[in-house]
């Protein structure tokens, strides 16, 4: 859905929203590109057990942008105020708001209890039938509750589905303020100030998906821990552009 509206006095905005759903039993997002899902099927004899959300499935995505030609310096065009007009006129404010839901990810093991000889450890844990409550806890120290899963018995495959959990979403606001100076008919100059992630909002990356690191012991102490952000902190830059 795309909404585009141009209002009076230099104000215009555009909003784009996408609802999508991608399902497959495997994709080309291998572990060197995306760590949210194993690159190989858990049981090569039953590839249909891997059918689920694609590793690149983003359910909701929205981008809203706004541009406003600031009204300063529009009314008075007399020669005695020419320099003042040049100083306070031709300013433009722009903003972009980006919102999207998180990527799916797969609870994983760092060992292979099936003993099928696959050293790439694509086997998943099993669902804990005695677990009650919310699996997703959202905090960076433990984004999901590892007690929702149990270790498969030796010689078996886990029954947890592929990409059944959803990672953190993303929200970012970017702003820019520009000023255009007319030098001559042919030459003009633009002063730009740009603010990325202006509210310094922390967007978390996908958590550590490994629930069990070995065949013995309980869940890994780093299961569900988030160690990185998906966007940078607030960034400010200035630029000067000469146009002809």
C-alpha atoms as a PDB file:
ATOM      1  CA  UNK A   1       0.000   0.000   0.000  1.00  0.00           C
ATOM      2  CA  UNK A   2       1.386   3.373  -1.057  1.00  0.00           C
ATOM      3  CA  UNK A   3      -0.076   6.699   0.100  1.00  0.00           C
ATOM      4  CA  UNK A   4       1.388   9.812  -1.481  1.00  0.00           C
ATOM      5  CA  UNK A   5       0.073  13.290  -0.657  1.00  0.00           C
ATOM      6  CA  UNK A   6       1.322  16.717  -1.705  1.00  0.00           C
ATOM      7  CA  UNK A   7      -0.143  19.494   0.437  1.00  0.00           C
ATOM      8  CA  UNK A   8       0.145  23.254   0.155  1.00  0.00           C
ATOM      9  CA  UNK A   9       3.006  25.470   1.334  1.00  0.00           C
ATOM     10  CA  UNK A  10       5.763  23.028   0.486  1.00  0.00           C
ATOM     11  CA  UNK A  11       4.581  20.068   2.585  1.00  0.00           C
ATOM     12  CA  UNK A  12       4.420  16.558   1.164  1.00  0.00           C
ATOM     13  CA  UNK A  13       4.572  13.057   2.580  1.00  0.00           C
ATOM     14  CA  UNK A  14       4.552   9.455   1.441  1.00  0.00           C
ATOM     15  CA  UNK A  15       3.796   6.280   3.369  1.00  0.00           C
ATOM     16  CA  UNK A  16       4.502   2.752   2.123  1.00  0.00           C
ATOM     17  CA  UNK A  17       3.360  -0.397   3.934  1.00  0.00           C
ATOM     18  CA  UNK A  18       4.059  -3.995   2.928  1.00  0.00           C
ATOM     19  CA  UNK A  19       2.462  -7.119   4.377  1.00  0.00           C
ATOM     20  CA  UNK A  20       4.158 -10.293   3.227  1.00  0.00           C
ATOM     21  CA  UNK A  21       4.690 -13.910   4.110  1.00  0.00           C
ATOM     22  CA  UNK A  22       7.367 -16.185   2.650  1.00  0.00           C
ATOM     23  CA  UNK A  23       7.315 -19.934   3.300  1.00  0.00           C
ATOM     24  CA  UNK A  24       9.797 -22.547   2.118  1.00  0.00           C
ATOM     25  CA  UNK A  25      11.661 -25.655   3.223  1.00  0.00           C
ATOM     26  CA  UNK A  26      15.086 -24.060   2.734  1.00  0.00           C
ATOM     27  CA  UNK A  27      16.625 -20.996   1.117  1.00  0.00           C
ATOM     28  CA  UNK A  28      19.965 -19.699  -0.052  1.00  0.00           C
ATOM     29  CA  UNK A  29      20.559 -17.629   3.095  1.00  0.00           C
ATOM     30  CA  UNK A  30      23.470 -19.752   4.316  1.00  0.00           C
ATOM     31  CA  UNK A  31      25.184 -19.230   7.649  1.00  0.00           C
ATOM     32  CA  UNK A  32      27.771 -16.856   6.175  1.00  0.00           C
ATOM     33  CA  UNK A  33      24.916 -14.454   5.353  1.00  0.00           C
ATOM     34  CA  UNK A  34      22.230 -15.161   7.964  1.00  0.00           C
ATOM     35  CA  UNK A  35      22.757 -16.907  11.289  1.00  0.00           C
ATOM     36  CA  UNK A  36      19.067 -16.996  12.164  1.00  0.00           C
ATOM     37  CA  UNK A  37      18.469 -20.374  10.518  1.00  0.00           C
ATOM     38  CA  UNK A  38      20.589 -23.484   9.747  1.00  0.00           C
ATOM     39  CA  UNK A  39      21.693 -23.676   6.146  1.00  0.00           C
ATOM     40  CA  UNK A  40      20.792 -27.375   5.810  1.00  0.00           C
ATOM     41  CA  UNK A  41      17.753 -29.556   6.455  1.00  0.00           C
ATOM     42  CA  UNK A  42      17.614 -31.309   9.820  1.00  0.00           C
ATOM     43  CA  UNK A  43      16.581 -34.712   8.436  1.00  0.00           C
ATOM     44  CA  UNK A  44      17.576 -35.240   4.784  1.00  0.00           C
ATOM     45  CA  UNK A  45      15.057 -38.080   4.518  1.00  0.00           C
ATOM     46  CA  UNK A  46      12.191 -35.788   5.601  1.00  0.00           C
ATOM     47  CA  UNK A  47      12.795 -32.304   4.102  1.00  0.00           C
ATOM     48  CA  UNK A  48       9.112 -31.417   4.579  1.00  0.00           C
ATOM     49  CA  UNK A  49       9.776 -31.145   8.323  1.00  0.00           C
ATOM     50  CA  UNK A  50      11.748 -27.964   7.532  1.00  0.00           C
ATOM     51  CA  UNK A  51       8.793 -26.237   5.881  1.00  0.00           C
ATOM     52  CA  UNK A  52       8.186 -22.903   7.598  1.00  0.00           C
ATOM     53  CA  UNK A  53       8.936 -19.190   7.435  1.00  0.00           C
ATOM     54  CA  UNK A  54      11.771 -18.267   5.120  1.00  0.00           C
ATOM     55  CA  UNK A  55      14.859 -16.790   6.724  1.00  0.00           C
ATOM     56  CA  UNK A  56      14.167 -13.475   4.963  1.00  0.00           C
ATOM     57  CA  UNK A  57      10.462 -13.322   5.866  1.00  0.00           C
ATOM     58  CA  UNK A  58       9.566  -9.879   7.244  1.00  0.00           C
ATOM     59  CA  UNK A  59       5.843  -9.840   7.976  1.00  0.00           C
ATOM     60  CA  UNK A  60       5.302  -6.080   8.349  1.00  0.00           C
ATOM     61  CA  UNK A  61       7.382  -3.258   6.867  1.00  0.00           C
ATOM     62  CA  UNK A  62       6.514   0.439   6.722  1.00  0.00           C
ATOM     63  CA  UNK A  63       8.400   3.554   5.617  1.00  0.00           C
ATOM     64  CA  UNK A  64       7.038   7.079   6.056  1.00  0.00           C
ATOM     65  CA  UNK A  65       8.878  10.072   4.645  1.00  0.00           C
ATOM     66  CA  UNK A  66       8.048  13.758   4.881  1.00  0.00           C
ATOM     67  CA  UNK A  67       9.455  16.836   3.179  1.00  0.00           C
ATOM     68  CA  UNK A  68       8.680  20.405   4.244  1.00  0.00           C
ATOM     69  CA  UNK A  69       9.941  23.606   2.658  1.00  0.00           C
ATOM     70  CA  UNK A  70      10.205  25.850   5.700  1.00  0.00           C
ATOM     71  CA  UNK A  71       8.161  29.053   5.320  1.00  0.00           C
ATOM     72  CA  UNK A  72      10.907  31.460   6.373  1.00  0.00           C
ATOM     73  CA  UNK A  73      11.889  34.112   3.881  1.00  0.00           C
ATOM     74  CA  UNK A  74       8.916  33.728   1.557  1.00  0.00           C
ATOM     75  CA  UNK A  75       6.921  36.883   2.126  1.00  0.00           C
ATOM     76  CA  UNK A  76       9.407  39.747   1.854  1.00  0.00           C
ATOM     77  CA  UNK A  77      11.234  40.021  -1.456  1.00  0.00           C
ATOM     78  CA  UNK A  78      12.307  43.693  -1.266  1.00  0.00           C
ATOM     79  CA  UNK A  79      15.875  44.482  -2.231  1.00  0.00           C
ATOM     80  CA  UNK A  80      16.727  45.967   1.164  1.00  0.00           C
ATOM     81  CA  UNK A  81      16.218  42.531   2.726  1.00  0.00           C
ATOM     82  CA  UNK A  82      17.936  40.536  -0.030  1.00  0.00           C
ATOM     83  CA  UNK A  83      20.748  39.224   2.180  1.00  0.00           C
ATOM     84  CA  UNK A  84      18.343  38.352   4.985  1.00  0.00           C
ATOM     85  CA  UNK A  85      16.196  36.502   2.461  1.00  0.00           C
ATOM     86  CA  UNK A  86      19.207  34.522   1.288  1.00  0.00           C
ATOM     87  CA  UNK A  87      20.124  33.620   4.837  1.00  0.00           C
ATOM     88  CA  UNK A  88      16.757  32.483   6.181  1.00  0.00           C
ATOM     89  CA  UNK A  89      15.068  31.304   2.964  1.00  0.00           C
ATOM     90  CA  UNK A  90      15.262  28.012   1.037  1.00  0.00           C
ATOM     91  CA  UNK A  91      15.506  25.703   4.057  1.00  0.00           C
ATOM     92  CA  UNK A  92      14.031  22.213   3.723  1.00  0.00           C
ATOM     93  CA  UNK A  93      13.320  19.680   6.478  1.00  0.00           C
ATOM     94  CA  UNK A  94      13.061  15.986   5.598  1.00  0.00           C
ATOM     95  CA  UNK A  95      12.397  12.918   7.692  1.00  0.00           C
ATOM     96  CA  UNK A  96      12.180   9.163   7.216  1.00  0.00           C
ATOM     97  CA  UNK A  97      10.573   6.770   9.714  1.00  0.00           C
ATOM     98  CA  UNK A  98      11.327   3.075   9.174  1.00  0.00           C
ATOM     99  CA  UNK A  99       9.396   0.331  10.977  1.00  0.00           C
ATOM    100  CA  UNK A 100       9.551  -3.407  10.421  1.00  0.00           C
ATOM    101  CA  UNK A 101       8.888  -6.620  12.285  1.00  0.00           C
ATOM    102  CA  UNK A 102      11.718  -8.968  13.214  1.00  0.00           C
ATOM    103  CA  UNK A 103      13.231 -11.798  11.240  1.00  0.00           C
ATOM    104  CA  UNK A 104      12.335 -15.376  12.188  1.00  0.00           C
ATOM    105  CA  UNK A 105      14.971 -17.597  13.741  1.00  0.00           C
ATOM    106  CA  UNK A 106      15.372 -21.267  14.581  1.00  0.00           C
ATOM    107  CA  UNK A 107      16.225 -22.720  18.004  1.00  0.00           C
ATOM    108  CA  UNK A 108      19.380 -24.722  17.420  1.00  0.00           C
ATOM    109  CA  UNK A 109      21.832 -27.222  18.901  1.00  0.00           C
ATOM    110  CA  UNK A 110      25.614 -27.063  18.608  1.00  0.00           C
ATOM    111  CA  UNK A 111      25.837 -30.869  18.500  1.00  0.00           C
ATOM    112  CA  UNK A 112      23.991 -33.560  16.559  1.00  0.00           C
ATOM    113  CA  UNK A 113      22.069 -36.035  18.740  1.00  0.00           C
ATOM    114  CA  UNK A 114      20.767 -37.944  15.706  1.00  0.00           C
ATOM    115  CA  UNK A 115      24.238 -39.444  15.053  1.00  0.00           C
ATOM    116  CA  UNK A 116      23.524 -39.405  11.318  1.00  0.00           C
ATOM    117  CA  UNK A 117      27.075 -38.283  10.514  1.00  0.00           C
ATOM    118  CA  UNK A 118      26.153 -34.697   9.625  1.00  0.00           C
ATOM    119  CA  UNK A 119      28.832 -32.563  11.298  1.00  0.00           C
ATOM    120  CA  UNK A 120      27.047 -29.312  10.383  1.00  0.00           C
ATOM    121  CA  UNK A 121      24.652 -29.763  13.339  1.00  0.00           C
ATOM    122  CA  UNK A 122      21.355 -28.849  11.652  1.00  0.00           C
ATOM    123  CA  UNK A 123      19.245 -30.787  14.191  1.00  0.00           C
ATOM    124  CA  UNK A 124      16.855 -28.745  16.310  1.00  0.00           C
ATOM    125  CA  UNK A 125      15.757 -29.272  19.931  1.00  0.00           C
ATOM    126  CA  UNK A 126      12.349 -30.618  20.894  1.00  0.00           C
ATOM    127  CA  UNK A 127       9.478 -28.655  22.386  1.00  0.00           C
ATOM    128  CA  UNK A 128       9.102 -28.996  26.141  1.00  0.00           C
ATOM    129  CA  UNK A 129       5.571 -30.398  26.742  1.00  0.00           C
ATOM    130  CA  UNK A 130       5.654 -29.195  30.363  1.00  0.00           C
ATOM    131  CA  UNK A 131       6.496 -25.585  29.544  1.00  0.00           C
ATOM    132  CA  UNK A 132       3.845 -22.911  30.100  1.00  0.00           C
ATOM    133  CA  UNK A 133       4.063 -19.202  29.535  1.00  0.00           C
ATOM    134  CA  UNK A 134       5.566 -16.907  26.935  1.00  0.00           C
ATOM    135  CA  UNK A 135       8.607 -18.154  25.045  1.00  0.00           C
ATOM    136  CA  UNK A 136       9.647 -14.656  23.933  1.00  0.00           C
ATOM    137  CA  UNK A 137      10.814 -12.476  26.817  1.00  0.00           C
ATOM    138  CA  UNK A 138      12.232  -9.629  24.672  1.00  0.00           C
ATOM    139  CA  UNK A 139      15.100  -8.645  26.995  1.00  0.00           C
ATOM    140  CA  UNK A 140      18.660  -8.572  25.582  1.00  0.00           C
ATOM    141  CA  UNK A 141      20.010 -10.786  28.390  1.00  0.00           C
ATOM    142  CA  UNK A 142      17.552 -13.596  27.547  1.00  0.00           C
ATOM    143  CA  UNK A 143      15.360 -12.815  24.566  1.00  0.00           C
ATOM    144  CA  UNK A 144      13.641 -16.200  24.653  1.00  0.00           C
ATOM    145  CA  UNK A 145      13.179 -18.719  27.452  1.00  0.00           C
ATOM    146  CA  UNK A 146      15.378 -21.786  26.763  1.00  0.00           C
ATOM    147  CA  UNK A 147      13.261 -23.841  29.152  1.00  0.00           C
ATOM    148  CA  UNK A 148      10.660 -24.013  26.386  1.00  0.00           C
ATOM    149  CA  UNK A 149      12.857 -26.685  24.764  1.00  0.00           C
ATOM    150  CA  UNK A 150      14.371 -30.028  25.741  1.00  0.00           C
ATOM    151  CA  UNK A 151      17.177 -32.105  24.268  1.00  0.00           C
ATOM    152  CA  UNK A 152      16.212 -34.854  21.817  1.00  0.00           C
ATOM    153  CA  UNK A 153      16.938 -38.416  22.837  1.00  0.00           C
ATOM    154  CA  UNK A 154      20.111 -39.919  21.352  1.00  0.00           C
ATOM    155  CA  UNK A 155      19.511 -41.175  17.828  1.00  0.00           C
ATOM    156  CA  UNK A 156      16.475 -38.932  17.227  1.00  0.00           C
ATOM    157  CA  UNK A 157      15.654 -35.596  15.632  1.00  0.00           C
ATOM    158  CA  UNK A 158      14.076 -32.747  17.580  1.00  0.00           C
ATOM    159  CA  UNK A 159      10.487 -31.774  16.795  1.00  0.00           C
ATOM    160  CA  UNK A 160      10.848 -27.983  17.074  1.00  0.00           C
ATOM    161  CA  UNK A 161       9.971 -26.345  13.775  1.00  0.00           C
ATOM    162  CA  UNK A 162      12.235 -24.253  11.582  1.00  0.00           C
ATOM    163  CA  UNK A 163      12.055 -20.479  12.126  1.00  0.00           C
ATOM    164  CA  UNK A 164       9.296 -20.754  14.739  1.00  0.00           C
ATOM    165  CA  UNK A 165      10.575 -17.798  16.789  1.00  0.00           C
ATOM    166  CA  UNK A 166      10.638 -14.135  15.779  1.00  0.00           C
ATOM    167  CA  UNK A 167      13.490 -11.759  16.517  1.00  0.00           C
ATOM    168  CA  UNK A 168      13.362  -8.095  17.554  1.00  0.00           C
ATOM    169  CA  UNK A 169      11.762  -5.548  15.268  1.00  0.00           C
ATOM    170  CA  UNK A 170      13.325  -2.356  13.946  1.00  0.00           C
ATOM    171  CA  UNK A 171      12.358   1.304  14.387  1.00  0.00           C
ATOM    172  CA  UNK A 172      14.527   4.185  13.191  1.00  0.00           C
ATOM    173  CA  UNK A 173      13.995   7.887  12.554  1.00  0.00           C
ATOM    174  CA  UNK A 174      16.295   9.835  10.229  1.00  0.00           C
ATOM    175  CA  UNK A 175      16.162  13.616   9.726  1.00  0.00           C
ATOM    176  CA  UNK A 176      17.894  16.062   7.420  1.00  0.00           C
ATOM    177  CA  UNK A 177      17.981  19.843   7.191  1.00  0.00           C
ATOM    178  CA  UNK A 178      19.207  21.434   3.972  1.00  0.00           C
ATOM    179  CA  UNK A 179      19.770  24.982   2.808  1.00  0.00           C
ATOM    180  CA  UNK A 180      20.155  26.004  -0.829  1.00  0.00           C
ATOM    181  CA  UNK A 181      22.146  29.087  -1.865  1.00  0.00           C
ATOM    182  CA  UNK A 182      21.685  30.447  -5.382  1.00  0.00           C
ATOM    183  CA  UNK A 183      24.998  31.797  -6.650  1.00  0.00           C
ATOM    184  CA  UNK A 184      24.072  32.453 -10.263  1.00  0.00           C
ATOM    185  CA  UNK A 185      21.743  31.130 -12.911  1.00  0.00           C
ATOM    186  CA  UNK A 186      23.966  28.121 -13.374  1.00  0.00           C
ATOM    187  CA  UNK A 187      25.653  27.678  -9.999  1.00  0.00           C
ATOM    188  CA  UNK A 188      24.094  26.839  -6.648  1.00  0.00           C
ATOM    189  CA  UNK A 189      25.332  25.437  -3.359  1.00  0.00           C
ATOM    190  CA  UNK A 190      23.596  23.194  -0.829  1.00  0.00           C
ATOM    191  CA  UNK A 191      24.433  22.888   2.857  1.00  0.00           C
ATOM    192  CA  UNK A 192      23.261  19.580   4.377  1.00  0.00           C
ATOM    193  CA  UNK A 193      22.985  18.366   7.957  1.00  0.00           C
ATOM    194  CA  UNK A 194      21.832  14.769   8.396  1.00  0.00           C
ATOM    195  CA  UNK A 195      20.862  12.911  11.556  1.00  0.00           C
ATOM    196  CA  UNK A 196      20.621   9.123  11.374  1.00  0.00           C
ATOM    197  CA  UNK A 197      18.761   7.331  14.186  1.00  0.00           C
ATOM    198  CA  UNK A 198      18.115  10.746  15.677  1.00  0.00           C
ATOM    199  CA  UNK A 199      16.459   9.338  18.841  1.00  0.00           C
ATOM    200  CA  UNK A 200      19.376   6.921  19.385  1.00  0.00           C
ATOM    201  CA  UNK A 201      16.964   3.981  19.554  1.00  0.00           C
ATOM    202  CA  UNK A 202      18.639   0.607  20.102  1.00  0.00           C
ATOM    203  CA  UNK A 203      17.583  -1.979  17.519  1.00  0.00           C
ATOM    204  CA  UNK A 204      18.654  -5.407  18.700  1.00  0.00           C
ATOM    205  CA  UNK A 205      20.059  -8.081  16.430  1.00  0.00           C
ATOM    206  CA  UNK A 206      18.863 -11.702  16.394  1.00  0.00           C
ATOM    207  CA  UNK A 207      19.703 -13.447  19.690  1.00  0.00           C
ATOM    208  CA  UNK A 208      22.001 -16.421  20.055  1.00  0.00           C
ATOM    209  CA  UNK A 209      19.765 -19.309  18.831  1.00  0.00           C
ATOM    210  CA  UNK A 210      21.813 -22.167  20.342  1.00  0.00           C
ATOM    211  CA  UNK A 211      19.748 -23.631  23.190  1.00  0.00           C
ATOM    212  CA  UNK A 212      21.941 -26.620  24.084  1.00  0.00           C
ATOM    213  CA  UNK A 213      25.684 -26.682  23.525  1.00  0.00           C
ATOM    214  CA  UNK A 214      26.286 -30.327  24.482  1.00  0.00           C
ATOM    215  CA  UNK A 215      24.468 -33.584  25.140  1.00  0.00           C
ATOM    216  CA  UNK A 216      24.938 -33.215  28.884  1.00  0.00           C
ATOM    217  CA  UNK A 217      23.864 -30.431  31.202  1.00  0.00           C
ATOM    218  CA  UNK A 218      21.086 -27.886  30.896  1.00  0.00           C
ATOM    219  CA  UNK A 219      20.545 -25.007  28.464  1.00  0.00           C
ATOM    220  CA  UNK A 220      23.513 -22.955  27.368  1.00  0.00           C
ATOM    221  CA  UNK A 221      24.074 -19.848  29.558  1.00  0.00           C
ATOM    222  CA  UNK A 222      24.235 -17.748  26.379  1.00  0.00           C
ATOM    223  CA  UNK A 223      20.947 -19.044  24.925  1.00  0.00           C
ATOM    224  CA  UNK A 224      18.824 -16.089  23.858  1.00  0.00           C
ATOM    225  CA  UNK A 225      21.527 -13.532  24.648  1.00  0.00           C
ATOM    226  CA  UNK A 226      21.772 -10.552  22.269  1.00  0.00           C
ATOM    227  CA  UNK A 227      25.316  -9.268  21.783  1.00  0.00           C
ATOM    228  CA  UNK A 228      24.906  -6.823  18.884  1.00  0.00           C
ATOM    229  CA  UNK A 229      22.568  -4.227  17.422  1.00  0.00           C
ATOM    230  CA  UNK A 230      21.218  -4.256  13.874  1.00  0.00           C
ATOM    231  CA  UNK A 231      21.655  -0.498  13.328  1.00  0.00           C
ATOM    232  CA  UNK A 232      24.206   2.063  14.410  1.00  0.00           C
ATOM    233  CA  UNK A 233      23.801   4.539  17.232  1.00  0.00           C
ATOM    234  CA  UNK A 234      22.967   8.163  16.439  1.00  0.00           C
ATOM    235  CA  UNK A 235      25.113   9.471  13.583  1.00  0.00           C
ATOM    236  CA  UNK A 236      25.390  13.141  12.568  1.00  0.00           C
ATOM    237  CA  UNK A 237      27.088  14.393   9.437  1.00  0.00           C
ATOM    238  CA  UNK A 238      27.402  17.670   7.558  1.00  0.00           C
ATOM    239  CA  UNK A 239      28.033  18.207   3.886  1.00  0.00           C
ATOM    240  CA  UNK A 240      28.460  20.929   1.321  1.00  0.00           C
ATOM    241  CA  UNK A 241      27.412  20.321  -2.269  1.00  0.00           C
ATOM    242  CA  UNK A 242      28.161  22.477  -5.301  1.00  0.00           C
ATOM    243  CA  UNK A 243      25.712  22.081  -8.187  1.00  0.00           C
ATOM    244  CA  UNK A 244      25.859  23.371 -11.759  1.00  0.00           C
END
